[in-house]
PDB file of all heavy atoms in Angstrom:
ATOM      1  N   ASP A   1     -46.557  -3.953 -69.678  1.00  0.00           N
ATOM      2  CA  ASP A   1     -45.931  -4.659 -68.603  1.00  0.00           C
ATOM      3  C   ASP A   1     -45.574  -3.673 -67.450  1.00  0.00           C
ATOM      4  O   ASP A   1     -45.765  -3.884 -66.235  1.00  0.00           O
ATOM      5  CB  ASP A   1     -44.759  -5.423 -68.970  1.00  0.00           C
ATOM      6  CG  ASP A   1     -45.084  -6.642 -69.854  1.00  0.00           C
ATOM      7  OD1 ASP A   1     -46.284  -6.996 -69.912  1.00  0.00           O
ATOM      8  OD2 ASP A   1     -44.232  -7.066 -70.626  1.00  0.00           O
ATOM      9  N   VAL A   2     -44.967  -2.570 -67.808  1.00  0.00           N
ATOM     10  CA  VAL A   2     -44.525  -1.484 -66.843  1.00  0.00           C
ATOM     11  C   VAL A   2     -45.773  -0.927 -66.134  1.00  0.00           C
ATOM     12  O   VAL A   2     -45.840  -0.883 -64.869  1.00  0.00           O
ATOM     13  CB  VAL A   2     -43.713  -0.457 -67.468  1.00  0.00           C
ATOM     14  CG1 VAL A   2     -43.504   0.641 -66.442  1.00  0.00           C
ATOM     15  CG2 VAL A   2     -42.354  -0.975 -67.958  1.00  0.00           C
ATOM     16  N   VAL A   3     -46.867  -0.628 -66.848  1.00  0.00           N
ATOM     17  CA  VAL A   3     -47.992  -0.024 -66.181  1.00  0.00           C
ATOM     18  C   VAL A   3     -48.642  -1.131 -65.257  1.00  0.00           C
ATOM     19  O   VAL A   3     -49.077  -0.720 -64.210  1.00  0.00           O
ATOM     20  CB  VAL A   3     -49.004   0.393 -67.330  1.00  0.00           C
ATOM     21  CG1 VAL A   3     -50.307   0.851 -66.658  1.00  0.00           C
ATOM     22  CG2 VAL A   3     -48.427   1.625 -68.037  1.00  0.00           C
ATOM     23  N   ASN A   4     -48.728  -2.375 -65.729  1.00  0.00           N
ATOM     24  CA  ASN A   4     -49.321  -3.334 -64.903  1.00  0.00           C
ATOM     25  C   ASN A   4     -48.482  -3.622 -63.568  1.00  0.00           C
ATOM     26  O   ASN A   4     -49.066  -3.881 -62.545  1.00  0.00           O
ATOM     27  CB  ASN A   4     -49.517  -4.696 -65.630  1.00  0.00           C
ATOM     28  CG  ASN A   4     -50.607  -4.575 -66.721  1.00  0.00           C
ATOM     29  OD1 ASN A   4     -51.609  -3.799 -66.544  1.00  0.00           O
ATOM     30  ND2 ASN A   4     -50.434  -5.271 -67.750  1.00  0.00           N
ATOM     31  N   GLU A   5     -47.155  -3.475 -63.684  1.00  0.00           N
ATOM     32  CA  GLU A   5     -46.343  -3.618 -62.580  1.00  0.00           C
ATOM     33  C   GLU A   5     -46.582  -2.491 -61.554  1.00  0.00           C
ATOM     34  O   GLU A   5     -46.620  -2.644 -60.414  1.00  0.00           O
ATOM     35  CB  GLU A   5     -44.896  -3.566 -63.002  1.00  0.00           C
ATOM     36  CG  GLU A   5     -43.897  -3.804 -61.840  1.00  0.00           C
ATOM     37  CD  GLU A   5     -43.991  -5.204 -61.267  1.00  0.00           C
ATOM     38  OE1 GLU A   5     -44.560  -6.182 -61.895  1.00  0.00           O
ATOM     39  OE2 GLU A   5     -43.377  -5.431 -60.136  1.00  0.00           O
ATOM     40  N   TYR A   6     -46.727  -1.245 -62.221  1.00  0.00           N
ATOM     41  CA  TYR A   6     -47.034  -0.147 -61.378  1.00  0.00           C
ATOM     42  C   TYR A   6     -48.349  -0.353 -60.622  1.00  0.00           C
ATOM     43  O   TYR A   6     -48.488  -0.087 -59.456  1.00  0.00           O
ATOM     44  CB  TYR A   6     -47.219   1.120 -62.258  1.00  0.00           C
ATOM     45  CG  TYR A   6     -45.903   1.845 -62.749  1.00  0.00           C
ATOM     46  CD1 TYR A   6     -45.925   2.655 -63.779  1.00  0.00           C
ATOM     47  CD2 TYR A   6     -44.733   1.488 -62.032  1.00  0.00           C
ATOM     48  CE1 TYR A   6     -44.719   3.216 -64.194  1.00  0.00           C
ATOM     49  CE2 TYR A   6     -43.614   2.091 -62.512  1.00  0.00           C
ATOM     50  CZ  TYR A   6     -43.577   2.992 -63.586  1.00  0.00           C
ATOM     51  OH  TYR A   6     -42.400   3.626 -64.019  1.00  0.00           O
ATOM     52  N   VAL A   7     -49.370  -0.877 -61.313  1.00  0.00           N
ATOM     53  CA  VAL A   7     -50.675  -1.122 -60.691  1.00  0.00           C
ATOM     54  C   VAL A   7     -50.530  -2.134 -59.574  1.00  0.00           C
ATOM     55  O   VAL A   7     -51.076  -1.964 -58.452  1.00  0.00           O
ATOM     56  CB  VAL A   7     -51.734  -1.621 -61.785  1.00  0.00           C
ATOM     57  CG1 VAL A   7     -52.950  -2.061 -60.998  1.00  0.00           C
ATOM     58  CG2 VAL A   7     -51.985  -0.480 -62.693  1.00  0.00           C
ATOM     59  N   THR A   8     -49.778  -3.205 -59.806  1.00  0.00           N
ATOM     60  CA  THR A   8     -49.528  -4.252 -58.754  1.00  0.00           C
ATOM     61  C   THR A   8     -48.880  -3.594 -57.599  1.00  0.00           C
ATOM     62  O   THR A   8     -49.302  -3.850 -56.411  1.00  0.00           O
ATOM     63  CB  THR A   8     -48.708  -5.291 -59.283  1.00  0.00           C
ATOM     64  OG1 THR A   8     -49.293  -5.893 -60.411  1.00  0.00           O
ATOM     65  CG2 THR A   8     -48.554  -6.380 -58.246  1.00  0.00           C
ATOM     66  N   ILE A   9     -47.854  -2.742 -57.753  1.00  0.00           N
ATOM     67  CA  ILE A   9     -47.229  -2.160 -56.640  1.00  0.00           C
ATOM     68  C   ILE A   9     -48.130  -1.215 -55.867  1.00  0.00           C
ATOM     69  O   ILE A   9     -48.230  -1.165 -54.679  1.00  0.00           O
ATOM     70  CB  ILE A   9     -45.964  -1.395 -57.090  1.00  0.00           C
ATOM     71  CG1 ILE A   9     -44.907  -2.364 -57.672  1.00  0.00           C
ATOM     72  CG2 ILE A   9     -45.357  -0.565 -56.001  1.00  0.00           C
ATOM     73  CD1 ILE A   9     -43.749  -1.710 -58.314  1.00  0.00           C
ATOM     74  N   VAL A  10     -48.932  -0.479 -56.649  1.00  0.00           N
ATOM     75  CA  VAL A  10     -49.906   0.508 -56.013  1.00  0.00           C
ATOM     76  C   VAL A  10     -50.907  -0.259 -55.166  1.00  0.00           C
ATOM     77  O   VAL A  10     -51.175   0.166 -54.023  1.00  0.00           O
ATOM     78  CB  VAL A  10     -50.590   1.379 -57.075  1.00  0.00           C
ATOM     79  CG1 VAL A  10     -51.699   2.128 -56.462  1.00  0.00           C
ATOM     80  CG2 VAL A  10     -49.615   2.350 -57.649  1.00  0.00           C
ATOM     81  N   LEU A  11     -51.492  -1.358 -55.705  1.00  0.00           N
ATOM     82  CA  LEU A  11     -52.432  -2.110 -54.906  1.00  0.00           C
ATOM     83  C   LEU A  11     -51.816  -2.713 -53.678  1.00  0.00           C
ATOM     84  O   LEU A  11     -52.427  -2.646 -52.613  1.00  0.00           O
ATOM     85  CB  LEU A  11     -53.022  -3.189 -55.792  1.00  0.00           C
ATOM     86  CG  LEU A  11     -53.881  -2.734 -56.962  1.00  0.00           C
ATOM     87  CD1 LEU A  11     -54.398  -3.962 -57.764  1.00  0.00           C
ATOM     88  CD2 LEU A  11     -55.138  -1.929 -56.510  1.00  0.00           C
ATOM     89  N   ALA A  12     -50.579  -3.217 -53.759  1.00  0.00           N
ATOM     90  CA  ALA A  12     -49.980  -3.769 -52.658  1.00  0.00           C
ATOM     91  C   ALA A  12     -49.653  -2.702 -51.603  1.00  0.00           C
ATOM     92  O   ALA A  12     -49.847  -2.891 -50.370  1.00  0.00           O
ATOM     93  CB  ALA A  12     -48.622  -4.499 -53.083  1.00  0.00           C
ATOM     94  N   GLU A  13     -49.180  -1.564 -52.044  1.00  0.00           N
ATOM     95  CA  GLU A  13     -48.828  -0.482 -51.171  1.00  0.00           C
ATOM     96  C   GLU A  13     -50.125   0.015 -50.427  1.00  0.00           C
ATOM     97  O   GLU A  13     -50.112   0.385 -49.205  1.00  0.00           O
ATOM     98  CB  GLU A  13     -48.219   0.679 -51.921  1.00  0.00           C
ATOM     99  CG  GLU A  13     -46.777   0.482 -52.334  1.00  0.00           C
ATOM    100  CD  GLU A  13     -45.711   0.522 -51.301  1.00  0.00           C
ATOM    101  OE1 GLU A  13     -46.116   1.072 -50.168  1.00  0.00           O
ATOM    102  OE2 GLU A  13     -44.581   0.113 -51.483  1.00  0.00           O
ATOM    103  N   ASP A  14     -51.249   0.073 -51.229  1.00  0.00           N
ATOM    104  CA  ASP A  14     -52.482   0.626 -50.612  1.00  0.00           C
ATOM    105  C   ASP A  14     -52.914  -0.377 -49.545  1.00  0.00           C
ATOM    106  O   ASP A  14     -53.336   0.097 -48.484  1.00  0.00           O
ATOM    107  CB  ASP A  14     -53.536   0.766 -51.783  1.00  0.00           C
ATOM    108  CG  ASP A  14     -54.914   1.159 -51.170  1.00  0.00           C
ATOM    109  OD1 ASP A  14     -55.045   2.263 -50.704  1.00  0.00           O
ATOM    110  OD2 ASP A  14     -55.724   0.312 -51.121  1.00  0.00           O
ATOM    111  N   ALA A  15     -52.930  -1.663 -49.867  1.00  0.00           N
ATOM    112  CA  ALA A  15     -53.365  -2.660 -48.877  1.00  0.00           C
ATOM    113  C   ALA A  15     -52.489  -2.656 -47.670  1.00  0.00           C
ATOM    114  O   ALA A  15     -52.943  -2.675 -46.476  1.00  0.00           O
ATOM    115  CB  ALA A  15     -53.502  -4.057 -49.452  1.00  0.00           C
ATOM    116  N   GLU A  16     -51.229  -2.554 -47.846  1.00  0.00           N
ATOM    117  CA  GLU A  16     -50.250  -2.629 -46.715  1.00  0.00           C
ATOM    118  C   GLU A  16     -50.464  -1.247 -45.953  1.00  0.00           C
ATOM    119  O   GLU A  16     -50.394  -1.374 -44.646  1.00  0.00           O
ATOM    120  CB  GLU A  16     -48.757  -2.634 -47.279  1.00  0.00           C
ATOM    121  CG  GLU A  16     -47.712  -2.688 -46.191  1.00  0.00           C
ATOM    122  CD  GLU A  16     -46.360  -2.846 -46.796  1.00  0.00           C
ATOM    123  OE1 GLU A  16     -46.233  -2.873 -47.993  1.00  0.00           O
ATOM    124  OE2 GLU A  16     -45.326  -2.844 -45.981  1.00  0.00           O
ATOM    125  N   TYR A  17     -50.642  -0.221 -46.594  1.00  0.00           N
ATOM    126  CA  TYR A  17     -50.759   1.102 -45.859  1.00  0.00           C
ATOM    127  C   TYR A  17     -52.049   1.051 -44.942  1.00  0.00           C
ATOM    128  O   TYR A  17     -52.007   1.335 -43.812  1.00  0.00           O
ATOM    129  CB  TYR A  17     -50.897   2.166 -46.847  1.00  0.00           C
ATOM    130  CG  TYR A  17     -51.285   3.504 -46.273  1.00  0.00           C
ATOM    131  CD1 TYR A  17     -50.292   4.339 -45.616  1.00  0.00           C
ATOM    132  CD2 TYR A  17     -52.545   4.000 -46.298  1.00  0.00           C
ATOM    133  CE1 TYR A  17     -50.565   5.513 -45.076  1.00  0.00           C
ATOM    134  CE2 TYR A  17     -52.925   5.182 -45.638  1.00  0.00           C
ATOM    135  CZ  TYR A  17     -51.922   5.968 -45.116  1.00  0.00           C
ATOM    136  OH  TYR A  17     -52.258   7.167 -44.509  1.00  0.00           O
ATOM    137  N   ARG A  18     -53.190   0.529 -45.529  1.00  0.00           N
ATOM    138  CA  ARG A  18     -54.375   0.553 -44.776  1.00  0.00           C
ATOM    139  C   ARG A  18     -54.317  -0.449 -43.609  1.00  0.00           C
ATOM    140  O   ARG A  18     -54.750  -0.065 -42.493  1.00  0.00           O
ATOM    141  CB  ARG A  18     -55.514   0.235 -45.718  1.00  0.00           C
ATOM    142  CG  ARG A  18     -55.797   1.303 -46.767  1.00  0.00           C
ATOM    143  CD  ARG A  18     -56.970   0.993 -47.626  1.00  0.00           C
ATOM    144  NE  ARG A  18     -57.226   1.980 -48.715  1.00  0.00           N
ATOM    145  CZ  ARG A  18     -57.824   3.128 -48.475  1.00  0.00           C
ATOM    146  NH1 ARG A  18     -58.262   3.471 -47.381  1.00  0.00           N
ATOM    147  NH2 ARG A  18     -57.883   4.076 -49.512  1.00  0.00           N
ATOM    148  N   ILE A  19     -53.817  -1.599 -43.895  1.00  0.00           N
ATOM    149  CA  ILE A  19     -53.772  -2.579 -42.830  1.00  0.00           C
ATOM    150  C   ILE A  19     -52.773  -2.198 -41.797  1.00  0.00           C
ATOM    151  O   ILE A  19     -52.965  -2.299 -40.580  1.00  0.00           O
ATOM    152  CB  ILE A  19     -53.322  -3.952 -43.396  1.00  0.00           C
ATOM    153  CG1 ILE A  19     -54.544  -4.517 -44.219  1.00  0.00           C
ATOM    154  CG2 ILE A  19     -53.086  -5.036 -42.271  1.00  0.00           C
ATOM    155  CD1 ILE A  19     -54.204  -5.819 -45.044  1.00  0.00           C
ATOM    156  N   GLY A  20     -51.649  -1.612 -42.220  1.00  0.00           N
ATOM    157  CA  GLY A  20     -50.634  -1.113 -41.265  1.00  0.00           C
ATOM    158  C   GLY A  20     -51.178  -0.024 -40.467  1.00  0.00           C
ATOM    159  O   GLY A  20     -50.835   0.012 -39.166  1.00  0.00           O
ATOM    160  N   GLN A  21     -51.873   0.942 -41.054  1.00  0.00           N
ATOM    161  CA  GLN A  21     -52.391   2.032 -40.305  1.00  0.00           C
ATOM    162  C   GLN A  21     -53.461   1.499 -39.263  1.00  0.00           C
ATOM    163  O   GLN A  21     -53.429   1.953 -38.031  1.00  0.00           O
ATOM    164  CB  GLN A  21     -53.018   3.017 -41.127  1.00  0.00           C
ATOM    165  CG  GLN A  21     -53.480   4.384 -40.485  1.00  0.00           C
ATOM    166  CD  GLN A  21     -54.143   5.237 -41.507  1.00  0.00           C
ATOM    167  OE1 GLN A  21     -54.953   4.851 -42.253  1.00  0.00           O
ATOM    168  NE2 GLN A  21     -53.749   6.560 -41.388  1.00  0.00           N
ATOM    169  N   SER A  22     -54.391   0.660 -39.705  1.00  0.00           N
ATOM    170  CA  SER A  22     -55.350   0.102 -38.740  1.00  0.00           C
ATOM    171  C   SER A  22     -54.666  -0.740 -37.587  1.00  0.00           C
ATOM    172  O   SER A  22     -55.104  -0.710 -36.466  1.00  0.00           O
ATOM    173  CB  SER A  22     -56.367  -0.743 -39.443  1.00  0.00           C
ATOM    174  OG  SER A  22     -55.750  -1.894 -40.073  1.00  0.00           O
ATOM    175  N   ARG A  23     -53.620  -1.502 -37.901  1.00  0.00           N
ATOM    176  CA  ARG A  23     -52.873  -2.204 -36.939  1.00  0.00           C
ATOM    177  C   ARG A  23     -52.207  -1.337 -35.962  1.00  0.00           C
ATOM    178  O   ARG A  23     -52.224  -1.601 -34.735  1.00  0.00           O
ATOM    179  CB  ARG A  23     -51.934  -3.175 -37.591  1.00  0.00           C
ATOM    180  CG  ARG A  23     -51.360  -4.235 -36.668  1.00  0.00           C
ATOM    181  CD  ARG A  23     -52.474  -5.141 -36.113  1.00  0.00           C
ATOM    182  NE  ARG A  23     -53.412  -5.667 -37.180  1.00  0.00           N
ATOM    183  CZ  ARG A  23     -53.093  -6.725 -37.944  1.00  0.00           C
ATOM    184  NH1 ARG A  23     -51.920  -7.360 -37.912  1.00  0.00           N
ATOM    185  NH2 ARG A  23     -54.032  -7.155 -38.843  1.00  0.00           N
ATOM    186  N   GLU A  24     -51.536  -0.297 -36.444  1.00  0.00           N
ATOM    187  CA  GLU A  24     -50.907   0.700 -35.486  1.00  0.00           C
ATOM    188  C   GLU A  24     -51.933   1.371 -34.608  1.00  0.00           C
ATOM    189  O   GLU A  24     -51.737   1.577 -33.452  1.00  0.00           O
ATOM    190  CB  GLU A  24     -50.123   1.688 -36.307  1.00  0.00           C
ATOM    191  CG  GLU A  24     -48.879   1.072 -37.032  1.00  0.00           C
ATOM    192  CD  GLU A  24     -48.180   2.098 -37.838  1.00  0.00           C
ATOM    193  OE1 GLU A  24     -48.585   3.309 -37.837  1.00  0.00           O
ATOM    194  OE2 GLU A  24     -47.076   1.713 -38.433  1.00  0.00           O
ATOM    195  N   THR A  25     -53.065   1.710 -35.201  1.00  0.00           N
ATOM    196  CA  THR A  25     -54.095   2.365 -34.409  1.00  0.00           C
ATOM    197  C   THR A  25     -54.571   1.404 -33.322  1.00  0.00           C
ATOM    198  O   THR A  25     -54.766   1.763 -32.157  1.00  0.00           O
ATOM    199  CB  THR A  25     -55.292   2.750 -35.315  1.00  0.00           C
ATOM    200  OG1 THR A  25     -54.761   3.731 -36.211  1.00  0.00           O
ATOM    201  CG2 THR A  25     -56.325   3.440 -34.494  1.00  0.00           C
ATOM    202  N   LEU A  26     -54.778   0.046 -33.656  1.00  0.00           N
ATOM    203  CA  LEU A  26     -55.291  -0.839 -32.762  1.00  0.00           C
ATOM    204  C   LEU A  26     -54.226  -1.088 -31.527  1.00  0.00           C
ATOM    205  O   LEU A  26     -54.600  -1.133 -30.339  1.00  0.00           O
ATOM    206  CB  LEU A  26     -55.564  -2.226 -33.430  1.00  0.00           C
ATOM    207  CG  LEU A  26     -55.923  -3.383 -32.450  1.00  0.00           C
ATOM    208  CD1 LEU A  26     -57.238  -3.018 -31.761  1.00  0.00           C
ATOM    209  CD2 LEU A  26     -56.209  -4.651 -33.305  1.00  0.00           C
ATOM    210  N   GLU A  27     -52.960  -1.168 -31.965  1.00  0.00           N
ATOM    211  CA  GLU A  27     -51.835  -1.345 -30.939  1.00  0.00           C
ATOM    212  C   GLU A  27     -51.878  -0.101 -30.029  1.00  0.00           C
ATOM    213  O   GLU A  27     -51.638  -0.306 -28.799  1.00  0.00           O
ATOM    214  CB  GLU A  27     -50.551  -1.615 -31.628  1.00  0.00           C
ATOM    215  CG  GLU A  27     -50.487  -2.882 -32.424  1.00  0.00           C
ATOM    216  CD  GLU A  27     -49.059  -2.963 -33.151  1.00  0.00           C
ATOM    217  OE1 GLU A  27     -48.349  -2.055 -33.098  1.00  0.00           O
ATOM    218  OE2 GLU A  27     -48.923  -4.028 -33.706  1.00  0.00           O
ATOM    219  N   PHE A  28     -52.010   1.027 -30.545  1.00  0.00           N
ATOM    220  CA  PHE A  28     -52.017   2.170 -29.738  1.00  0.00           C
ATOM    221  C   PHE A  28     -53.219   2.217 -28.696  1.00  0.00           C
ATOM    222  O   PHE A  28     -53.028   2.528 -27.597  1.00  0.00           O
ATOM    223  CB  PHE A  28     -52.003   3.456 -30.617  1.00  0.00           C
ATOM    224  CG  PHE A  28     -52.203   4.740 -29.831  1.00  0.00           C
ATOM    225  CD1 PHE A  28     -51.091   5.332 -29.128  1.00  0.00           C
ATOM    226  CD2 PHE A  28     -53.461   5.425 -29.811  1.00  0.00           C
ATOM    227  CE1 PHE A  28     -51.412   6.510 -28.466  1.00  0.00           C
ATOM    228  CE2 PHE A  28     -53.651   6.635 -29.052  1.00  0.00           C
ATOM    229  CZ  PHE A  28     -52.568   7.129 -28.336  1.00  0.00           C
ATOM    230  N   ARG A  29     -54.407   1.930 -29.279  1.00  0.00           N
ATOM    231  CA  ARG A  29     -55.564   1.842 -28.393  1.00  0.00           C
ATOM    232  C   ARG A  29     -55.466   0.848 -27.251  1.00  0.00           C
ATOM    233  O   ARG A  29     -55.802   1.059 -26.184  1.00  0.00           O
ATOM    234  CB  ARG A  29     -56.812   1.576 -29.313  1.00  0.00           C
ATOM    235  CG  ARG A  29     -57.126   2.710 -30.240  1.00  0.00           C
ATOM    236  CD  ARG A  29     -57.258   4.015 -29.606  1.00  0.00           C
ATOM    237  NE  ARG A  29     -57.540   5.076 -30.526  1.00  0.00           N
ATOM    238  CZ  ARG A  29     -57.611   6.361 -30.260  1.00  0.00           C
ATOM    239  NH1 ARG A  29     -57.319   6.842 -29.069  1.00  0.00           N
ATOM    240  NH2 ARG A  29     -57.871   7.273 -31.128  1.00  0.00           N
ATOM    241  N   VAL A  30     -54.906  -0.353 -27.682  1.00  0.00           N
ATOM    242  CA  VAL A  30     -54.737  -1.416 -26.669  1.00  0.00           C
ATOM    243  C   VAL A  30     -53.728  -0.924 -25.530  1.00  0.00           C
ATOM    244  O   VAL A  30     -54.020  -1.114 -24.340  1.00  0.00           O
ATOM    245  CB  VAL A  30     -54.254  -2.671 -27.385  1.00  0.00           C
ATOM    246  CG1 VAL A  30     -53.818  -3.734 -26.383  1.00  0.00           C
ATOM    247  CG2 VAL A  30     -55.241  -3.266 -28.231  1.00  0.00           C
ATOM    248  N   GLY A  31     -52.647  -0.369 -25.976  1.00  0.00           N
ATOM    249  CA  GLY A  31     -51.750   0.120 -25.037  1.00  0.00           C
ATOM    250  C   GLY A  31     -52.318   1.266 -24.161  1.00  0.00           C
ATOM    251  O   GLY A  31     -51.990   1.385 -22.930  1.00  0.00           O
ATOM    252  N   GLN A  32     -53.147   2.162 -24.738  1.00  0.00           N
ATOM    253  CA  GLN A  32     -53.772   3.166 -23.975  1.00  0.00           C
ATOM    254  C   GLN A  32     -54.751   2.597 -22.995  1.00  0.00           C
ATOM    255  O   GLN A  32     -54.795   3.001 -21.763  1.00  0.00           O
ATOM    256  CB  GLN A  32     -54.533   4.096 -24.958  1.00  0.00           C
ATOM    257  CG  GLN A  32     -55.154   5.321 -24.260  1.00  0.00           C
ATOM    258  CD  GLN A  32     -55.888   6.206 -25.247  1.00  0.00           C
ATOM    259  OE1 GLN A  32     -56.395   5.698 -26.273  1.00  0.00           O
ATOM    260  NE2 GLN A  32     -55.795   7.526 -24.987  1.00  0.00           N
ATOM    261  N   VAL A  33     -55.495   1.569 -23.336  1.00  0.00           N
ATOM    262  CA  VAL A  33     -56.418   0.879 -22.401  1.00  0.00           C
ATOM    263  C   VAL A  33     -55.605   0.277 -21.257  1.00  0.00           C
ATOM    264  O   VAL A  33     -56.043   0.332 -20.050  1.00  0.00           O
ATOM    265  CB  VAL A  33     -57.323  -0.080 -23.111  1.00  0.00           C
ATOM    266  CG1 VAL A  33     -58.106  -0.901 -22.119  1.00  0.00           C
ATOM    267  CG2 VAL A  33     -58.274   0.650 -24.045  1.00  0.00           C
ATOM    268  N   ASP A  34     -54.575  -0.416 -21.640  1.00  0.00           N
ATOM    269  CA  ASP A  34     -53.766  -1.108 -20.538  1.00  0.00           C
ATOM    270  C   ASP A  34     -53.161  -0.068 -19.603  1.00  0.00           C
ATOM    271  O   ASP A  34     -53.154  -0.300 -18.364  1.00  0.00           O
ATOM    272  CB  ASP A  34     -52.621  -1.948 -21.148  1.00  0.00           C
ATOM    273  CG  ASP A  34     -53.188  -3.126 -21.977  1.00  0.00           C
ATOM    274  OD1 ASP A  34     -54.399  -3.482 -21.675  1.00  0.00           O
ATOM    275  OD2 ASP A  34     -52.503  -3.597 -22.862  1.00  0.00           O
TER     276      ASP A  34
END
């Protein structure tokens, strides 16, 4: 149970990290264009 909980947290953190990074990059590029 603990290992599976670790895996769930890692997958959620990975998805959040990648989406958050791409979203921050997009916001920066949009602001730069404006």
